[in-house]
Amino acid sequence: MQTLKDLIALHLVRSLHFRNVHEHTFAKVYTEHRTALLTDQSDLLRLAVLQRSGLHLPGPQGLAAAAR
């Protein structure tokens, strides 16, 4: 019984660690991609919005709203 309890505790500790790693990595990649879509790849974002909704994005505010 003690071995089973130890395995469960170990699983939970590792899971929390990897959850934190995942959250940190996701936030970093999300921020990097959003920044790229608002600067270097803004044409790609404009095209994607146009294809999906038929709307033309008006200026930087439209880009920022679409990149959320």
PDB file of N, CA and C in Angstrom:
ATOM      1  N   MET A   1       0.813  -1.178   0.000  1.00  0.00           N
ATOM      2  CA  MET A   1       0.000   0.000   0.000  1.00  0.00           C
ATOM      3  C   MET A   1       0.874   1.266   0.000  1.00  0.00           C
ATOM      4  N   GLN A   2       1.951   1.248   0.748  1.00  0.00           N
ATOM      5  CA  GLN A   2       2.819   2.422   0.812  1.00  0.00           C
ATOM      6  C   GLN A   2       3.451   2.704  -0.553  1.00  0.00           C
ATOM      7  N   THR A   3       3.823   1.661  -1.287  1.00  0.00           N
ATOM      8  CA  THR A   3       4.412   1.841  -2.609  1.00  0.00           C
ATOM      9  C   THR A   3       3.410   2.493  -3.554  1.00  0.00           C
ATOM     10  N   LEU A   4       2.177   2.077  -3.498  1.00  0.00           N
ATOM     11  CA  LEU A   4       1.133   2.670  -4.338  1.00  0.00           C
ATOM     12  C   LEU A   4       0.932   4.147  -3.989  1.00  0.00           C
ATOM     13  N   LYS A   5       0.917   4.475  -2.710  1.00  0.00           N
ATOM     14  CA  LYS A   5       0.793   5.868  -2.287  1.00  0.00           C
ATOM     15  C   LYS A   5       1.979   6.688  -2.793  1.00  0.00           C
ATOM     16  N   ASP A   6       3.168   6.127  -2.712  1.00  0.00           N
ATOM     17  CA  ASP A   6       4.362   6.824  -3.195  1.00  0.00           C
ATOM     18  C   ASP A   6       4.289   7.071  -4.703  1.00  0.00           C
ATOM     19  N   LEU A   7       3.819   6.083  -5.446  1.00  0.00           N
ATOM     20  CA  LEU A   7       3.694   6.250  -6.895  1.00  0.00           C
ATOM     21  C   LEU A   7       2.676   7.339  -7.249  1.00  0.00           C
ATOM     22  N   ILE A   8       1.577   7.377  -6.545  1.00  0.00           N
ATOM     23  CA  ILE A   8       0.570   8.412  -6.795  1.00  0.00           C
ATOM     24  C   ILE A   8       1.143   9.788  -6.467  1.00  0.00           C
ATOM     25  N   ALA A   9       1.826   9.902  -5.341  1.00  0.00           N
ATOM     26  CA  ALA A   9       2.433  11.186  -4.965  1.00  0.00           C
ATOM     27  C   ALA A   9       3.467  11.617  -5.998  1.00  0.00           C
ATOM     28  N   LEU A  10       4.287  10.694  -6.465  1.00  0.00           N
ATOM     29  CA  LEU A  10       5.295  11.007  -7.471  1.00  0.00           C
ATOM     30  C   LEU A  10       4.643  11.467  -8.767  1.00  0.00           C
ATOM     31  N   HIS A  11       3.577  10.810  -9.161  1.00  0.00           N
ATOM     32  CA  HIS A  11       2.858  11.198 -10.380  1.00  0.00           C
ATOM     33  C   HIS A  11       2.323  12.628 -10.267  1.00  0.00           C
ATOM     34  N   LEU A  12       1.724  12.949  -9.125  1.00  0.00           N
ATOM     35  CA  LEU A  12       1.170  14.287  -8.937  1.00  0.00           C
ATOM     36  C   LEU A  12       2.257  15.352  -8.941  1.00  0.00           C
ATOM     37  N   VAL A  13       3.375  15.073  -8.324  1.00  0.00           N
ATOM     38  CA  VAL A  13       4.478  16.036  -8.298  1.00  0.00           C
ATOM     39  C   VAL A  13       5.006  16.265  -9.704  1.00  0.00           C
ATOM     40  N   ARG A  14       5.213  15.212 -10.441  1.00  0.00           N
ATOM     41  CA  ARG A  14       5.707  15.368 -11.806  1.00  0.00           C
ATOM     42  C   ARG A  14       4.672  16.045 -12.684  1.00  0.00           C
ATOM     43  N   SER A  15       3.419  15.728 -12.515  1.00  0.00           N
ATOM     44  CA  SER A  15       2.378  16.332 -13.329  1.00  0.00           C
ATOM     45  C   SER A  15       2.312  17.843 -13.113  1.00  0.00           C
ATOM     46  N   LEU A  16       2.423  18.283 -11.866  1.00  0.00           N
ATOM     47  CA  LEU A  16       2.404  19.715 -11.588  1.00  0.00           C
ATOM     48  C   LEU A  16       3.614  20.398 -12.207  1.00  0.00           C
ATOM     49  N   HIS A  17       4.750  19.736 -12.147  1.00  0.00           N
ATOM     50  CA  HIS A  17       5.956  20.300 -12.758  1.00  0.00           C
ATOM     51  C   HIS A  17       5.762  20.469 -14.262  1.00  0.00           C
ATOM     52  N   PHE A  18       5.292  19.434 -14.918  1.00  0.00           N
ATOM     53  CA  PHE A  18       5.125  19.512 -16.361  1.00  0.00           C
ATOM     54  C   PHE A  18       3.970  20.435 -16.758  1.00  0.00           C
ATOM     55  N   ARG A  19       2.993  20.596 -15.896  1.00  0.00           N
ATOM     56  CA  ARG A  19       1.934  21.567 -16.162  1.00  0.00           C
ATOM     57  C   ARG A  19       2.516  22.977 -16.180  1.00  0.00           C
ATOM     58  N   ASN A  20       3.376  23.272 -15.209  1.00  0.00           N
ATOM     59  CA  ASN A  20       4.021  24.584 -15.165  1.00  0.00           C
ATOM     60  C   ASN A  20       4.911  24.801 -16.378  1.00  0.00           C
ATOM     61  N   VAL A  21       5.641  23.768 -16.776  1.00  0.00           N
ATOM     62  CA  VAL A  21       6.487  23.863 -17.971  1.00  0.00           C
ATOM     63  C   VAL A  21       5.623  24.137 -19.192  1.00  0.00           C
ATOM     64  N   HIS A  22       4.525  23.423 -19.319  1.00  0.00           N
ATOM     65  CA  HIS A  22       3.615  23.598 -20.453  1.00  0.00           C
ATOM     66  C   HIS A  22       3.038  25.013 -20.468  1.00  0.00           C
ATOM     67  N   GLU A  23       2.571  25.500 -19.326  1.00  0.00           N
ATOM     68  CA  GLU A  23       1.981  26.840 -19.262  1.00  0.00           C
ATOM     69  C   GLU A  23       3.003  27.913 -19.629  1.00  0.00           C
ATOM     70  N   HIS A  24       4.225  27.774 -19.134  1.00  0.00           N
ATOM     71  CA  HIS A  24       5.277  28.742 -19.445  1.00  0.00           C
ATOM     72  C   HIS A  24       5.612  28.717 -20.938  1.00  0.00           C
ATOM     73  N   THR A  25       5.746  27.519 -21.486  1.00  0.00           N
ATOM     74  CA  THR A  25       6.082  27.383 -22.907  1.00  0.00           C
ATOM     75  C   THR A  25       4.956  27.926 -23.784  1.00  0.00           C
ATOM     76  N   PHE A  26       3.714  27.615 -23.447  1.00  0.00           N
ATOM     77  CA  PHE A  26       2.580  28.110 -24.218  1.00  0.00           C
ATOM     78  C   PHE A  26       2.546  29.633 -24.213  1.00  0.00           C
ATOM     79  N   ALA A  27       2.698  30.234 -23.039  1.00  0.00           N
ATOM     80  CA  ALA A  27       2.658  31.701 -22.938  1.00  0.00           C
ATOM     81  C   ALA A  27       3.767  32.335 -23.769  1.00  0.00           C
ATOM     82  N   LYS A  28       4.947  31.745 -23.733  1.00  0.00           N
ATOM     83  CA  LYS A  28       6.081  32.286 -24.492  1.00  0.00           C
ATOM     84  C   LYS A  28       5.823  32.192 -25.994  1.00  0.00           C
ATOM     85  N   VAL A  29       5.402  31.032 -26.467  1.00  0.00           N
ATOM     86  CA  VAL A  29       5.157  30.831 -27.896  1.00  0.00           C
ATOM     87  C   VAL A  29       3.985  31.687 -28.370  1.00  0.00           C
ATOM     88  N   TYR A  30       2.929  31.774 -27.559  1.00  0.00           N
ATOM     89  CA  TYR A  30       1.776  32.598 -27.909  1.00  0.00           C
ATOM     90  C   TYR A  30       2.197  34.054 -28.101  1.00  0.00           C
ATOM     91  N   THR A  31       2.961  34.564 -27.164  1.00  0.00           N
ATOM     92  CA  THR A  31       3.422  35.952 -27.241  1.00  0.00           C
ATOM     93  C   THR A  31       4.301  36.177 -28.463  1.00  0.00           C
ATOM     94  N   GLU A  32       5.212  35.246 -28.736  1.00  0.00           N
ATOM     95  CA  GLU A  32       6.094  35.377 -29.892  1.00  0.00           C
ATOM     96  C   GLU A  32       5.309  35.370 -31.198  1.00  0.00           C
ATOM     97  N   HIS A  33       4.349  34.466 -31.318  1.00  0.00           N
ATOM     98  CA  HIS A  33       3.559  34.379 -32.548  1.00  0.00           C
ATOM     99  C   HIS A  33       2.650  35.593 -32.716  1.00  0.00           C
ATOM    100  N   ARG A  34       2.066  36.044 -31.627  1.00  0.00           N
ATOM    101  CA  ARG A  34       1.203  37.226 -31.702  1.00  0.00           C
ATOM    102  C   ARG A  34       2.015  38.442 -32.137  1.00  0.00           C
ATOM    103  N   THR A  35       3.194  38.594 -31.577  1.00  0.00           N
ATOM    104  CA  THR A  35       4.060  39.706 -31.962  1.00  0.00           C
ATOM    105  C   THR A  35       4.424  39.619 -33.439  1.00  0.00           C
ATOM    106  N   ALA A  36       4.741  38.418 -33.905  1.00  0.00           N
ATOM    107  CA  ALA A  36       5.083  38.239 -35.324  1.00  0.00           C
ATOM    108  C   ALA A  36       3.896  38.573 -36.218  1.00  0.00           C
ATOM    109  N   LEU A  37       2.692  38.169 -35.812  1.00  0.00           N
ATOM    110  CA  LEU A  37       1.502  38.459 -36.617  1.00  0.00           C
ATOM    111  C   LEU A  37       1.178  39.955 -36.650  1.00  0.00           C
ATOM    112  N   LEU A  38       1.587  40.659 -35.640  1.00  0.00           N
ATOM    113  CA  LEU A  38       1.333  42.095 -35.603  1.00  0.00           C
ATOM    114  C   LEU A  38       2.432  42.907 -36.281  1.00  0.00           C
ATOM    115  N   THR A  39       3.545  42.264 -36.607  1.00  0.00           N
ATOM    116  CA  THR A  39       4.658  42.998 -37.223  1.00  0.00           C
ATOM    117  C   THR A  39       5.049  42.358 -38.551  1.00  0.00           C
ATOM    118  N   ASP A  40       5.957  41.412 -38.503  1.00  0.00           N
ATOM    119  CA  ASP A  40       6.539  40.814 -39.710  1.00  0.00           C
ATOM    120  C   ASP A  40       5.541  40.044 -40.567  1.00  0.00           C
ATOM    121  N   GLN A  41       4.566  39.421 -39.926  1.00  0.00           N
ATOM    122  CA  GLN A  41       3.625  38.567 -40.658  1.00  0.00           C
ATOM    123  C   GLN A  41       2.211  39.159 -40.707  1.00  0.00           C
ATOM    124  N   SER A  42       2.105  40.475 -40.670  1.00  0.00           N
ATOM    125  CA  SER A  42       0.779  41.099 -40.654  1.00  0.00           C
ATOM    126  C   SER A  42       0.006  40.807 -41.936  1.00  0.00           C
ATOM    127  N   ASP A  43       0.699  40.662 -43.059  1.00  0.00           N
ATOM    128  CA  ASP A  43       0.006  40.328 -44.305  1.00  0.00           C
ATOM    129  C   ASP A  43      -0.667  38.958 -44.209  1.00  0.00           C
ATOM    130  N   LEU A  44       0.000  38.030 -43.540  1.00  0.00           N
ATOM    131  CA  LEU A  44      -0.563  36.688 -43.352  1.00  0.00           C
ATOM    132  C   LEU A  44      -1.830  36.757 -42.494  1.00  0.00           C
ATOM    133  N   LEU A  45      -1.791  37.551 -41.437  1.00  0.00           N
ATOM    134  CA  LEU A  45      -2.967  37.706 -40.583  1.00  0.00           C
ATOM    135  C   LEU A  45      -4.103  38.375 -41.342  1.00  0.00           C
ATOM    136  N   ARG A  46      -3.792  39.417 -42.091  1.00  0.00           N
ATOM    137  CA  ARG A  46      -4.837  40.097 -42.878  1.00  0.00           C
ATOM    138  C   ARG A  46      -5.488  39.129 -43.866  1.00  0.00           C
ATOM    139  N   LEU A  47      -4.688  38.319 -44.542  1.00  0.00           N
ATOM    140  CA  LEU A  47      -5.206  37.349 -45.501  1.00  0.00           C
ATOM    141  C   LEU A  47      -6.088  36.307 -44.814  1.00  0.00           C
ATOM    142  N   ALA A  48      -5.651  35.820 -43.657  1.00  0.00           N
ATOM    143  CA  ALA A  48      -6.431  34.811 -42.933  1.00  0.00           C
ATOM    144  C   ALA A  48      -7.790  35.367 -42.508  1.00  0.00           C
ATOM    145  N   VAL A  49      -7.809  36.604 -42.020  1.00  0.00           N
ATOM    146  CA  VAL A  49      -9.075  37.215 -41.611  1.00  0.00           C
ATOM    147  C   VAL A  49      -9.964  37.437 -42.828  1.00  0.00           C
ATOM    148  N   LEU A  50      -9.382  37.879 -43.917  1.00  0.00           N
ATOM    149  CA  LEU A  50     -10.156  38.101 -45.140  1.00  0.00           C
ATOM    150  C   LEU A  50     -10.773  36.791 -45.630  1.00  0.00           C
ATOM    151  N   GLN A  51      -9.986  35.714 -45.635  1.00  0.00           N
ATOM    152  CA  GLN A  51     -10.504  34.419 -46.089  1.00  0.00           C
ATOM    153  C   GLN A  51     -11.599  33.890 -45.167  1.00  0.00           C
ATOM    154  N   ARG A  52     -11.427  34.089 -43.873  1.00  0.00           N
ATOM    155  CA  ARG A  52     -12.374  33.527 -42.917  1.00  0.00           C
ATOM    156  C   ARG A  52     -13.666  34.344 -42.815  1.00  0.00           C
ATOM    157  N   SER A  53     -13.528  35.669 -42.841  1.00  0.00           N
ATOM    158  CA  SER A  53     -14.701  36.495 -42.575  1.00  0.00           C
ATOM    159  C   SER A  53     -15.099  37.424 -43.717  1.00  0.00           C
ATOM    160  N   GLY A  54     -14.193  37.596 -44.686  1.00  0.00           N
ATOM    161  CA  GLY A  54     -14.468  38.523 -45.772  1.00  0.00           C
ATOM    162  C   GLY A  54     -14.227  39.973 -45.393  1.00  0.00           C
ATOM    163  N   LEU A  55     -13.661  40.207 -44.224  1.00  0.00           N
ATOM    164  CA  LEU A  55     -13.421  41.562 -43.736  1.00  0.00           C
ATOM    165  C   LEU A  55     -11.986  42.003 -44.005  1.00  0.00           C
ATOM    166  N   HIS A  56     -11.831  43.268 -44.323  1.00  0.00           N
ATOM    167  CA  HIS A  56     -10.513  43.870 -44.450  1.00  0.00           C
ATOM    168  C   HIS A  56     -10.206  44.558 -43.115  1.00  0.00           C
ATOM    169  N   LEU A  57      -9.041  44.263 -42.554  1.00  0.00           N
ATOM    170  CA  LEU A  57      -8.692  44.837 -41.259  1.00  0.00           C
ATOM    171  C   LEU A  57      -8.247  46.286 -41.394  1.00  0.00           C
ATOM    172  N   PRO A  58      -8.842  47.190 -40.618  1.00  0.00           N
ATOM    173  CA  PRO A  58      -8.484  48.598 -40.684  1.00  0.00           C
ATOM    174  C   PRO A  58      -7.362  48.950 -39.709  1.00  0.00           C
ATOM    175  N   GLY A  59      -6.164  49.085 -40.193  1.00  0.00           N
ATOM    176  CA  GLY A  59      -5.049  49.576 -39.392  1.00  0.00           C
ATOM    177  C   GLY A  59      -4.596  48.660 -38.276  1.00  0.00           C
ATOM    178  N   PRO A  60      -3.720  49.191 -37.426  1.00  0.00           N
ATOM    179  CA  PRO A  60      -3.143  48.396 -36.335  1.00  0.00           C
ATOM    180  C   PRO A  60      -4.165  47.918 -35.303  1.00  0.00           C
ATOM    181  N   GLN A  61      -5.215  48.689 -35.085  1.00  0.00           N
ATOM    182  CA  GLN A  61      -6.234  48.275 -34.133  1.00  0.00           C
ATOM    183  C   GLN A  61      -6.966  47.021 -34.607  1.00  0.00           C
ATOM    184  N   GLY A  62      -7.230  46.954 -35.894  1.00  0.00           N
ATOM    185  CA  GLY A  62      -7.882  45.768 -36.452  1.00  0.00           C
ATOM    186  C   GLY A  62      -6.995  44.554 -36.354  1.00  0.00           C
ATOM    187  N   LEU A  63      -5.702  44.748 -36.617  1.00  0.00           N
ATOM    188  CA  LEU A  63      -4.748  43.639 -36.473  1.00  0.00           C
ATOM    189  C   LEU A  63      -4.707  43.143 -35.038  1.00  0.00           C
ATOM    190  N   ALA A  64      -4.621  44.074 -34.097  1.00  0.00           N
ATOM    191  CA  ALA A  64      -4.532  43.689 -32.690  1.00  0.00           C
ATOM    192  C   ALA A  64      -5.782  42.933 -32.247  1.00  0.00           C
ATOM    193  N   ALA A  65      -6.943  43.364 -32.703  1.00  0.00           N
ATOM    194  CA  ALA A  65      -8.183  42.680 -32.344  1.00  0.00           C
ATOM    195  C   ALA A  65      -8.217  41.273 -32.931  1.00  0.00           C
ATOM    196  N   ALA A  66      -7.724  41.115 -34.148  1.00  0.00           N
ATOM    197  CA  ALA A  66      -7.737  39.809 -34.801  1.00  0.00           C
ATOM    198  C   ALA A  66      -6.707  38.853 -34.221  1.00  0.00           C
ATOM    199  N   ALA A  67      -5.650  39.396 -33.639  1.00  0.00           N
ATOM    200  CA  ALA A  67      -4.559  38.556 -33.144  1.00  0.00           C
ATOM    201  C   ALA A  67      -4.777  38.078 -31.712  1.00  0.00           C
ATOM    202  N   ARG A  68      -5.933  38.310 -31.137  1.00  0.00           N
ATOM    203  CA  ARG A  68      -6.195  37.863 -29.774  1.00  0.00           C
ATOM    204  C   ARG A  68      -6.289  36.393 -29.664  1.00  0.00           C
TER     205      ARG A  68
END
